[in-house]
Amino acid sequence: MLLGKPVGILLGAWLAVRIRLGALPPEVGWGDVLPVAMLGGVGYTVSLLIARLSVPGEAADAAAAAVLGASVVAAVLATVLVRRRGSARDRLQKW
C-alpha cells in the first residue's frame, strides 16, 4: 500500500503522458506528481475491509493496525514532499 499505490499512480501517469492520452501542464513537473501519488497510499477503507475479512481472529487487529500505520506514513511522506517542493520553488522565485 505504501509503495505499490504511489508507484502504480506514477507509472500510470507517466504512461498516459508517454502515449499522449494526456499531458502535464507546463508549470507542473514530475516532482509535483510524486506527492500526489504518495497521497494515494492514504486510501485505507477497502484495505481495512479486506484485512478484517481475510485475516482470522486477533491477527485481524494487527492487520488493521498495519493498514492504518501505512496510511499515516503515506500522509506524512506526502506532507514532507509537498513542503520540500514548495520551499524549493520559493528559493527559485527569490533567486
PDB file of N, CA and C in Angstrom:
ATOM      1  N   MET A   1       0.823  -1.189   0.000  1.00  0.00           N
ATOM      2  CA  MET A   1       0.000   0.000   0.000  1.00  0.00           C
ATOM      3  C   MET A   1       0.870   1.257   0.000  1.00  0.00           C
ATOM      4  N   LEU A   2       1.900   1.226   0.801  1.00  0.00           N
ATOM      5  CA  LEU A   2       2.764   2.395   0.919  1.00  0.00           C
ATOM      6  C   LEU A   2       3.675   2.548  -0.292  1.00  0.00           C
ATOM      7  N   LEU A   3       4.016   1.465  -0.924  1.00  0.00           N
ATOM      8  CA  LEU A   3       4.902   1.515  -2.081  1.00  0.00           C
ATOM      9  C   LEU A   3       4.142   1.288  -3.384  1.00  0.00           C
ATOM     10  N   GLY A   4       3.256   0.309  -3.380  1.00  0.00           N
ATOM     11  CA  GLY A   4       2.569  -0.082  -4.609  1.00  0.00           C
ATOM     12  C   GLY A   4       1.656   0.983  -5.191  1.00  0.00           C
ATOM     13  N   LYS A   5       0.886   1.622  -4.352  1.00  0.00           N
ATOM     14  CA  LYS A   5      -0.039   2.647  -4.867  1.00  0.00           C
ATOM     15  C   LYS A   5       0.695   3.841  -5.486  1.00  0.00           C
ATOM     16  N   PRO A   6       1.673   4.428  -4.789  1.00  0.00           N
ATOM     17  CA  PRO A   6       2.382   5.547  -5.415  1.00  0.00           C
ATOM     18  C   PRO A   6       3.102   5.147  -6.702  1.00  0.00           C
ATOM     19  N   VAL A   7       3.729   3.977  -6.699  1.00  0.00           N
ATOM     20  CA  VAL A   7       4.421   3.518  -7.910  1.00  0.00           C
ATOM     21  C   VAL A   7       3.417   3.321  -9.042  1.00  0.00           C
ATOM     22  N   GLY A   8       2.282   2.711  -8.738  1.00  0.00           N
ATOM     23  CA  GLY A   8       1.253   2.499  -9.751  1.00  0.00           C
ATOM     24  C   GLY A   8       0.688   3.799 -10.295  1.00  0.00           C
ATOM     25  N   ILE A   9       0.471   4.758  -9.430  1.00  0.00           N
ATOM     26  CA  ILE A   9      -0.055   6.061  -9.865  1.00  0.00           C
ATOM     27  C   ILE A   9       0.973   6.777 -10.736  1.00  0.00           C
ATOM     28  N   LEU A  10       2.240   6.774 -10.309  1.00  0.00           N
ATOM     29  CA  LEU A  10       3.287   7.416 -11.101  1.00  0.00           C
ATOM     30  C   LEU A  10       3.452   6.748 -12.465  1.00  0.00           C
ATOM     31  N   LEU A  11       3.493   5.412 -12.470  1.00  0.00           N
ATOM     32  CA  LEU A  11       3.641   4.701 -13.742  1.00  0.00           C
ATOM     33  C   LEU A  11       2.434   4.917 -14.648  1.00  0.00           C
ATOM     34  N   GLY A  12       1.243   4.928 -14.067  1.00  0.00           N
ATOM     35  CA  GLY A  12       0.037   5.179 -14.862  1.00  0.00           C
ATOM     36  C   GLY A  12       0.035   6.579 -15.467  1.00  0.00           C
ATOM     37  N   ALA A  13       0.435   7.557 -14.677  1.00  0.00           N
ATOM     38  CA  ALA A  13       0.503   8.933 -15.183  1.00  0.00           C
ATOM     39  C   ALA A  13       1.583   9.062 -16.249  1.00  0.00           C
ATOM     40  N   TRP A  14       2.735   8.459 -16.002  1.00  0.00           N
ATOM     41  CA  TRP A  14       3.822   8.513 -16.970  1.00  0.00           C
ATOM     42  C   TRP A  14       3.411   7.865 -18.291  1.00  0.00           C
ATOM     43  N   LEU A  15       2.754   6.702 -18.181  1.00  0.00           N
ATOM     44  CA  LEU A  15       2.307   6.003 -19.384  1.00  0.00           C
ATOM     45  C   LEU A  15       1.278   6.836 -20.148  1.00  0.00           C
ATOM     46  N   ALA A  16       0.354   7.459 -19.434  1.00  0.00           N
ATOM     47  CA  ALA A  16      -0.659   8.292 -20.086  1.00  0.00           C
ATOM     48  C   ALA A  16      -0.011   9.467 -20.822  1.00  0.00           C
ATOM     49  N   VAL A  17       1.009  10.068 -20.223  1.00  0.00           N
ATOM     50  CA  VAL A  17       1.711  11.170 -20.884  1.00  0.00           C
ATOM     51  C   VAL A  17       2.524  10.627 -22.057  1.00  0.00           C
ATOM     52  N   ARG A  18       3.149   9.493 -21.847  1.00  0.00           N
ATOM     53  CA  ARG A  18       4.013   8.907 -22.886  1.00  0.00           C
ATOM     54  C   ARG A  18       3.237   8.546 -24.152  1.00  0.00           C
ATOM     55  N   ILE A  19       2.030   7.969 -23.989  1.00  0.00           N
ATOM     56  CA  ILE A  19       1.249   7.582 -25.168  1.00  0.00           C
ATOM     57  C   ILE A  19       0.265   8.685 -25.575  1.00  0.00           C
ATOM     58  N   ARG A  20       0.447   9.851 -24.989  1.00  0.00           N
ATOM     59  CA  ARG A  20      -0.291  11.064 -25.349  1.00  0.00           C
ATOM     60  C   ARG A  20      -1.800  10.996 -25.080  1.00  0.00           C
ATOM     61  N   LEU A  21      -2.160  10.289 -24.003  1.00  0.00           N
ATOM     62  CA  LEU A  21      -3.545  10.334 -23.547  1.00  0.00           C
ATOM     63  C   LEU A  21      -3.802  11.619 -22.757  1.00  0.00           C
ATOM     64  N   GLY A  22      -2.735  12.189 -22.271  1.00  0.00           N
ATOM     65  CA  GLY A  22      -2.828  13.422 -21.502  1.00  0.00           C
ATOM     66  C   GLY A  22      -1.468  14.086 -21.483  1.00  0.00           C
ATOM     67  N   ALA A  23      -1.402  15.235 -20.854  1.00  0.00           N
ATOM     68  CA  ALA A  23      -0.135  15.965 -20.752  1.00  0.00           C
ATOM     69  C   ALA A  23      -0.104  16.704 -19.421  1.00  0.00           C
ATOM     70  N   LEU A  24       1.094  16.863 -18.894  1.00  0.00           N
ATOM     71  CA  LEU A  24       1.245  17.678 -17.695  1.00  0.00           C
ATOM     72  C   LEU A  24       1.184  19.146 -18.097  1.00  0.00           C
ATOM     73  N   PRO A  25       0.515  19.964 -17.319  1.00  0.00           N
ATOM     74  CA  PRO A  25       0.539  21.402 -17.602  1.00  0.00           C
ATOM     75  C   PRO A  25       1.982  21.913 -17.555  1.00  0.00           C
ATOM     76  N   PRO A  26       2.283  22.973 -18.263  1.00  0.00           N
ATOM     77  CA  PRO A  26       3.666  23.473 -18.318  1.00  0.00           C
ATOM     78  C   PRO A  26       4.277  23.777 -16.949  1.00  0.00           C
ATOM     79  N   GLU A  27       3.470  24.243 -16.017  1.00  0.00           N
ATOM     80  CA  GLU A  27       4.004  24.605 -14.705  1.00  0.00           C
ATOM     81  C   GLU A  27       4.066  23.429 -13.726  1.00  0.00           C
ATOM     82  N   VAL A  28       3.672  22.241 -14.172  1.00  0.00           N
ATOM     83  CA  VAL A  28       3.669  21.053 -13.319  1.00  0.00           C
ATOM     84  C   VAL A  28       4.745  20.094 -13.805  1.00  0.00           C
ATOM     85  N   GLY A  29       5.592  19.661 -12.869  1.00  0.00           N
ATOM     86  CA  GLY A  29       6.628  18.686 -13.191  1.00  0.00           C
ATOM     87  C   GLY A  29       6.372  17.374 -12.479  1.00  0.00           C
ATOM     88  N   TRP A  30       7.212  16.405 -12.773  1.00  0.00           N
ATOM     89  CA  TRP A  30       7.047  15.099 -12.131  1.00  0.00           C
ATOM     90  C   TRP A  30       7.307  15.177 -10.638  1.00  0.00           C
ATOM     91  N   GLY A  31       8.089  16.154 -10.218  1.00  0.00           N
ATOM     92  CA  GLY A  31       8.280  16.370  -8.787  1.00  0.00           C
ATOM     93  C   GLY A  31       7.011  16.819  -8.089  1.00  0.00           C
ATOM     94  N   ASP A  32       6.087  17.381  -8.857  1.00  0.00           N
ATOM     95  CA  ASP A  32       4.786  17.771  -8.304  1.00  0.00           C
ATOM     96  C   ASP A  32       3.823  16.591  -8.283  1.00  0.00           C
ATOM     97  N   VAL A  33       4.025  15.652  -9.176  1.00  0.00           N
ATOM     98  CA  VAL A  33       3.138  14.492  -9.255  1.00  0.00           C
ATOM     99  C   VAL A  33       3.454  13.501  -8.135  1.00  0.00           C
ATOM    100  N   LEU A  34       4.714  13.423  -7.744  1.00  0.00           N
ATOM    101  CA  LEU A  34       5.128  12.463  -6.714  1.00  0.00           C
ATOM    102  C   LEU A  34       4.361  12.616  -5.393  1.00  0.00           C
ATOM    103  N   PRO A  35       4.231  13.819  -4.807  1.00  0.00           N
ATOM    104  CA  PRO A  35       3.468  13.919  -3.559  1.00  0.00           C
ATOM    105  C   PRO A  35       2.000  13.515  -3.725  1.00  0.00           C
ATOM    106  N   VAL A  36       1.436  13.827  -4.869  1.00  0.00           N
ATOM    107  CA  VAL A  36       0.042  13.437  -5.118  1.00  0.00           C
ATOM    108  C   VAL A  36      -0.065  11.915  -5.200  1.00  0.00           C
ATOM    109  N   ALA A  37       0.912  11.289  -5.849  1.00  0.00           N
ATOM    110  CA  ALA A  37       0.928   9.829  -5.919  1.00  0.00           C
ATOM    111  C   ALA A  37       1.082   9.222  -4.524  1.00  0.00           C
ATOM    112  N   MET A  38       1.911   9.855  -3.695  1.00  0.00           N
ATOM    113  CA  MET A  38       2.100   9.359  -2.334  1.00  0.00           C
ATOM    114  C   MET A  38       0.801   9.433  -1.540  1.00  0.00           C
ATOM    115  N   LEU A  39      -0.007  10.449  -1.802  1.00  0.00           N
ATOM    116  CA  LEU A  39      -1.300  10.550  -1.119  1.00  0.00           C
ATOM    117  C   LEU A  39      -2.217   9.381  -1.476  1.00  0.00           C
ATOM    118  N   GLY A  40      -1.962   8.743  -2.613  1.00  0.00           N
ATOM    119  CA  GLY A  40      -2.737   7.558  -2.980  1.00  0.00           C
ATOM    120  C   GLY A  40      -2.599   6.440  -1.961  1.00  0.00           C
ATOM    121  N   GLY A  41      -1.504   6.424  -1.216  1.00  0.00           N
ATOM    122  CA  GLY A  41      -1.299   5.410  -0.189  1.00  0.00           C
ATOM    123  C   GLY A  41      -2.147   5.610   1.039  1.00  0.00           C
ATOM    124  N   VAL A  42      -2.841   6.747   1.116  1.00  0.00           N
ATOM    125  CA  VAL A  42      -3.676   7.022   2.282  1.00  0.00           C
ATOM    126  C   VAL A  42      -5.003   6.279   2.194  1.00  0.00           C
ATOM    127  N   GLY A  43      -5.424   5.898   1.002  1.00  0.00           N
ATOM    128  CA  GLY A  43      -6.708   5.219   0.839  1.00  0.00           C
ATOM    129  C   GLY A  43      -6.754   3.897   1.576  1.00  0.00           C
ATOM    130  N   TYR A  44      -7.410   3.837   2.693  1.00  0.00           N
ATOM    131  CA  TYR A  44      -7.343   2.650   3.533  1.00  0.00           C
ATOM    132  C   TYR A  44      -8.678   1.954   3.765  1.00  0.00           C
ATOM    133  N   THR A  45      -9.767   2.495   3.322  1.00  0.00           N
ATOM    134  CA  THR A  45     -11.077   1.929   3.651  1.00  0.00           C
ATOM    135  C   THR A  45     -11.227   0.502   3.144  1.00  0.00           C
ATOM    136  N   VAL A  46     -10.960   0.270   1.876  1.00  0.00           N
ATOM    137  CA  VAL A  46     -11.093  -1.073   1.310  1.00  0.00           C
ATOM    138  C   VAL A  46     -10.034  -1.992   1.901  1.00  0.00           C
ATOM    139  N   SER A  47      -8.830  -1.472   2.130  1.00  0.00           N
ATOM    140  CA  SER A  47      -7.767  -2.289   2.724  1.00  0.00           C
ATOM    141  C   SER A  47      -8.154  -2.765   4.117  1.00  0.00           C
ATOM    142  N   LEU A  48      -8.796  -1.905   4.876  1.00  0.00           N
ATOM    143  CA  LEU A  48      -9.265  -2.322   6.207  1.00  0.00           C
ATOM    144  C   LEU A  48     -10.324  -3.402   6.093  1.00  0.00           C
ATOM    145  N   LEU A  49     -11.242  -3.248   5.164  1.00  0.00           N
ATOM    146  CA  LEU A  49     -12.283  -4.250   4.962  1.00  0.00           C
ATOM    147  C   LEU A  49     -11.671  -5.590   4.579  1.00  0.00           C
ATOM    148  N   ILE A  50     -10.753  -5.581   3.647  1.00  0.00           N
ATOM    149  CA  ILE A  50     -10.117  -6.828   3.210  1.00  0.00           C
ATOM    150  C   ILE A  50      -9.328  -7.451   4.356  1.00  0.00           C
ATOM    151  N   ALA A  51      -8.619  -6.640   5.132  1.00  0.00           N
ATOM    152  CA  ALA A  51      -7.864  -7.173   6.268  1.00  0.00           C
ATOM    153  C   ALA A  51      -8.791  -7.823   7.283  1.00  0.00           C
ATOM    154  N   ARG A  52      -9.905  -7.192   7.552  1.00  0.00           N
ATOM    155  CA  ARG A  52     -10.857  -7.749   8.535  1.00  0.00           C
ATOM    156  C   ARG A  52     -11.499  -9.041   8.040  1.00  0.00           C
ATOM    157  N   LEU A  53     -11.769  -9.113   6.738  1.00  0.00           N
ATOM    158  CA  LEU A  53     -12.440 -10.299   6.207  1.00  0.00           C
ATOM    159  C   LEU A  53     -11.489 -11.462   5.926  1.00  0.00           C
ATOM    160  N   SER A  54     -10.229 -11.164   5.646  1.00  0.00           N
ATOM    161  CA  SER A  54      -9.325 -12.229   5.215  1.00  0.00           C
ATOM    162  C   SER A  54      -8.443 -12.781   6.319  1.00  0.00           C
ATOM    163  N   VAL A  55      -8.264 -12.045   7.401  1.00  0.00           N
ATOM    164  CA  VAL A  55      -7.375 -12.498   8.470  1.00  0.00           C
ATOM    165  C   VAL A  55      -8.235 -12.883   9.674  1.00  0.00           C
ATOM    166  N   PRO A  56      -8.085 -14.114  10.148  1.00  0.00           N
ATOM    167  CA  PRO A  56      -8.934 -14.576  11.255  1.00  0.00           C
ATOM    168  C   PRO A  56      -8.464 -14.080  12.627  1.00  0.00           C
ATOM    169  N   GLY A  57      -9.412 -13.952  13.531  1.00  0.00           N
ATOM    170  CA  GLY A  57      -9.135 -13.695  14.942  1.00  0.00           C
ATOM    171  C   GLY A  57      -8.402 -12.420  15.253  1.00  0.00           C
ATOM    172  N   GLU A  58      -7.489 -12.531  16.228  1.00  0.00           N
ATOM    173  CA  GLU A  58      -6.773 -11.354  16.705  1.00  0.00           C
ATOM    174  C   GLU A  58      -5.777 -10.818  15.692  1.00  0.00           C
ATOM    175  N   ALA A  59      -5.383 -11.637  14.741  1.00  0.00           N
ATOM    176  CA  ALA A  59      -4.458 -11.164  13.710  1.00  0.00           C
ATOM    177  C   ALA A  59      -5.105 -10.074  12.858  1.00  0.00           C
ATOM    178  N   ALA A  60      -6.444 -10.050  12.829  1.00  0.00           N
ATOM    179  CA  ALA A  60      -7.148  -9.004  12.080  1.00  0.00           C
ATOM    180  C   ALA A  60      -6.864  -7.632  12.676  1.00  0.00           C
ATOM    181  N   ASP A  61      -6.716  -7.567  14.004  1.00  0.00           N
ATOM    182  CA  ASP A  61      -6.384  -6.293  14.642  1.00  0.00           C
ATOM    183  C   ASP A  61      -4.999  -5.821  14.230  1.00  0.00           C
ATOM    184  N   ALA A  62      -4.056  -6.751  14.167  1.00  0.00           N
ATOM    185  CA  ALA A  62      -2.698  -6.400  13.738  1.00  0.00           C
ATOM    186  C   ALA A  62      -2.693  -5.961  12.281  1.00  0.00           C
ATOM    187  N   ALA A  63      -3.466  -6.643  11.445  1.00  0.00           N
ATOM    188  CA  ALA A  63      -3.542  -6.274  10.025  1.00  0.00           C
ATOM    189  C   ALA A  63      -4.161  -4.880   9.871  1.00  0.00           C
ATOM    190  N   ALA A  64      -5.206  -4.597  10.628  1.00  0.00           N
ATOM    191  CA  ALA A  64      -5.838  -3.278  10.572  1.00  0.00           C
ATOM    192  C   ALA A  64      -4.878  -2.203  11.071  1.00  0.00           C
ATOM    193  N   ALA A  65      -4.122  -2.506  12.119  1.00  0.00           N
ATOM    194  CA  ALA A  65      -3.137  -1.546  12.628  1.00  0.00           C
ATOM    195  C   ALA A  65      -2.059  -1.274  11.581  1.00  0.00           C
ATOM    196  N   ALA A  66      -1.646  -2.311  10.865  1.00  0.00           N
ATOM    197  CA  ALA A  66      -0.643  -2.132   9.811  1.00  0.00           C
ATOM    198  C   ALA A  66      -1.182  -1.262   8.685  1.00  0.00           C
ATOM    199  N   VAL A  67      -2.437  -1.461   8.314  1.00  0.00           N
ATOM    200  CA  VAL A  67      -3.051  -0.644   7.260  1.00  0.00           C
ATOM    201  C   VAL A  67      -3.123   0.814   7.710  1.00  0.00           C
ATOM    202  N   LEU A  68      -3.568   1.048   8.909  1.00  0.00           N
ATOM    203  CA  LEU A  68      -3.652   2.414   9.417  1.00  0.00           C
ATOM    204  C   LEU A  68      -2.275   3.053   9.559  1.00  0.00           C
ATOM    205  N   GLY A  69      -1.305   2.257  10.025  1.00  0.00           N
ATOM    206  CA  GLY A  69       0.063   2.766  10.145  1.00  0.00           C
ATOM    207  C   GLY A  69       0.640   3.165   8.791  1.00  0.00           C
ATOM    208  N   ALA A  70       0.418   2.333   7.778  1.00  0.00           N
ATOM    209  CA  ALA A  70       0.899   2.650   6.432  1.00  0.00           C
ATOM    210  C   ALA A  70       0.228   3.910   5.901  1.00  0.00           C
ATOM    211  N   SER A  71      -1.033   4.097   6.213  1.00  0.00           N
ATOM    212  CA  SER A  71      -1.738   5.307   5.774  1.00  0.00           C
ATOM    213  C   SER A  71      -1.155   6.555   6.427  1.00  0.00           C
ATOM    214  N   VAL A  72      -0.827   6.456   7.690  1.00  0.00           N
ATOM    215  CA  VAL A  72      -0.221   7.589   8.398  1.00  0.00           C
ATOM    216  C   VAL A  72       1.152   7.902   7.806  1.00  0.00           C
ATOM    217  N   VAL A  73       1.949   6.868   7.557  1.00  0.00           N
ATOM    218  CA  VAL A  73       3.275   7.080   6.964  1.00  0.00           C
ATOM    219  C   VAL A  73       3.143   7.716   5.588  1.00  0.00           C
ATOM    220  N   ALA A  74       2.202   7.255   4.779  1.00  0.00           N
ATOM    221  CA  ALA A  74       1.988   7.831   3.446  1.00  0.00           C
ATOM    222  C   ALA A  74       1.602   9.302   3.547  1.00  0.00           C
ATOM    223  N   ALA A  75       0.742   9.636   4.481  1.00  0.00           N
ATOM    224  CA  ALA A  75       0.325  11.031   4.653  1.00  0.00           C
ATOM    225  C   ALA A  75       1.498  11.901   5.096  1.00  0.00           C
ATOM    226  N   VAL A  76       2.309  11.404   5.998  1.00  0.00           N
ATOM    227  CA  VAL A  76       3.468  12.169   6.476  1.00  0.00           C
ATOM    228  C   VAL A  76       4.479  12.363   5.346  1.00  0.00           C
ATOM    229  N   LEU A  77       4.763  11.297   4.592  1.00  0.00           N
ATOM    230  CA  LEU A  77       5.700  11.413   3.466  1.00  0.00           C
ATOM    231  C   LEU A  77       5.190  12.400   2.415  1.00  0.00           C
ATOM    232  N   ALA A  78       3.911  12.354   2.117  1.00  0.00           N
ATOM    233  CA  ALA A  78       3.338  13.287   1.148  1.00  0.00           C
ATOM    234  C   ALA A  78       3.466  14.721   1.646  1.00  0.00           C
ATOM    235  N   THR A  79       3.236  14.938   2.925  1.00  0.00           N
ATOM    236  CA  THR A  79       3.368  16.277   3.504  1.00  0.00           C
ATOM    237  C   THR A  79       4.805  16.775   3.393  1.00  0.00           C
ATOM    238  N   VAL A  80       5.756  15.907   3.716  1.00  0.00           N
ATOM    239  CA  VAL A  80       7.172  16.284   3.617  1.00  0.00           C
ATOM    240  C   VAL A  80       7.530  16.619   2.170  1.00  0.00           C
ATOM    241  N   LEU A  81       7.086  15.799   1.226  1.00  0.00           N
ATOM    242  CA  LEU A  81       7.391  16.046  -0.185  1.00  0.00           C
ATOM    243  C   LEU A  81       6.774  17.350  -0.681  1.00  0.00           C
ATOM    244  N   VAL A  82       5.555  17.631  -0.282  1.00  0.00           N
ATOM    245  CA  VAL A  82       4.900  18.873  -0.698  1.00  0.00           C
ATOM    246  C   VAL A  82       5.635  20.075  -0.114  1.00  0.00           C
ATOM    247  N   ARG A  83       6.011  19.994   1.138  1.00  0.00           N
ATOM    248  CA  ARG A  83       6.724  21.112   1.773  1.00  0.00           C
ATOM    249  C   ARG A  83       8.100  21.324   1.145  1.00  0.00           C
ATOM    250  N   ARG A  84       8.803  20.226   0.857  1.00  0.00           N
ATOM    251  CA  ARG A  84      10.116  20.355   0.213  1.00  0.00           C
ATOM    252  C   ARG A  84       9.975  20.966  -1.169  1.00  0.00           C
ATOM    253  N   ARG A  85       8.966  20.534  -1.895  1.00  0.00           N
ATOM    254  CA  ARG A  85       8.748  21.065  -3.246  1.00  0.00           C
ATOM    255  C   ARG A  85       8.405  22.547  -3.179  1.00  0.00           C
ATOM    256  N   GLY A  86       7.582  22.919  -2.207  1.00  0.00           N
ATOM    257  CA  GLY A  86       7.208  24.320  -2.042  1.00  0.00           C
ATOM    258  C   GLY A  86       8.397  25.182  -1.658  1.00  0.00           C
ATOM    259  N   SER A  87       9.252  24.709  -0.756  1.00  0.00           N
ATOM    260  CA  SER A  87      10.407  25.507  -0.346  1.00  0.00           C
ATOM    261  C   SER A  87      11.411  25.629  -1.482  1.00  0.00           C
ATOM    262  N   ALA A  88      11.526  24.615  -2.337  1.00  0.00           N
ATOM    263  CA  ALA A  88      12.424  24.701  -3.490  1.00  0.00           C
ATOM    264  C   ALA A  88      11.909  25.754  -4.478  1.00  0.00           C
ATOM    265  N   ARG A  89      10.611  25.805  -4.671  1.00  0.00           N
ATOM    266  CA  ARG A  89      10.040  26.825  -5.555  1.00  0.00           C
ATOM    267  C   ARG A  89      10.233  28.217  -4.983  1.00  0.00           C
ATOM    268  N   ASP A  90      10.073  28.352  -3.673  1.00  0.00           N
ATOM    269  CA  ASP A  90      10.285  29.647  -3.024  1.00  0.00           C
ATOM    270  C   ASP A  90      11.722  30.131  -3.234  1.00  0.00           C
ATOM    271  N   ARG A  91      12.688  29.233  -3.097  1.00  0.00           N
ATOM    272  CA  ARG A  91      14.086  29.597  -3.296  1.00  0.00           C
ATOM    273  C   ARG A  91      14.329  30.042  -4.737  1.00  0.00           C
ATOM    274  N   LEU A  92      13.719  29.333  -5.687  1.00  0.00           N
ATOM    275  CA  LEU A  92      13.892  29.694  -7.102  1.00  0.00           C
ATOM    276  C   LEU A  92      13.267  31.053  -7.407  1.00  0.00           C
ATOM    277  N   GLN A  93      12.117  31.330  -6.812  1.00  0.00           N
ATOM    278  CA  GLN A  93      11.454  32.612  -7.078  1.00  0.00           C
ATOM    279  C   GLN A  93      12.248  33.779  -6.467  1.00  0.00           C
ATOM    280  N   LYS A  94      12.883  33.557  -5.328  1.00  0.00           N
ATOM    281  CA  LYS A  94      13.685  34.607  -4.697  1.00  0.00           C
ATOM    282  C   LYS A  94      14.953  34.867  -5.491  1.00  0.00           C
ATOM    283  N   TRP A  95      15.447  33.839  -6.180  1.00  0.00           N
ATOM    284  CA  TRP A  95      16.668  33.964  -6.944  1.00  0.00           C
ATOM    285  C   TRP A  95      16.448  34.853  -8.122  1.00  0.00           C
TER     286      TRP A  95
END
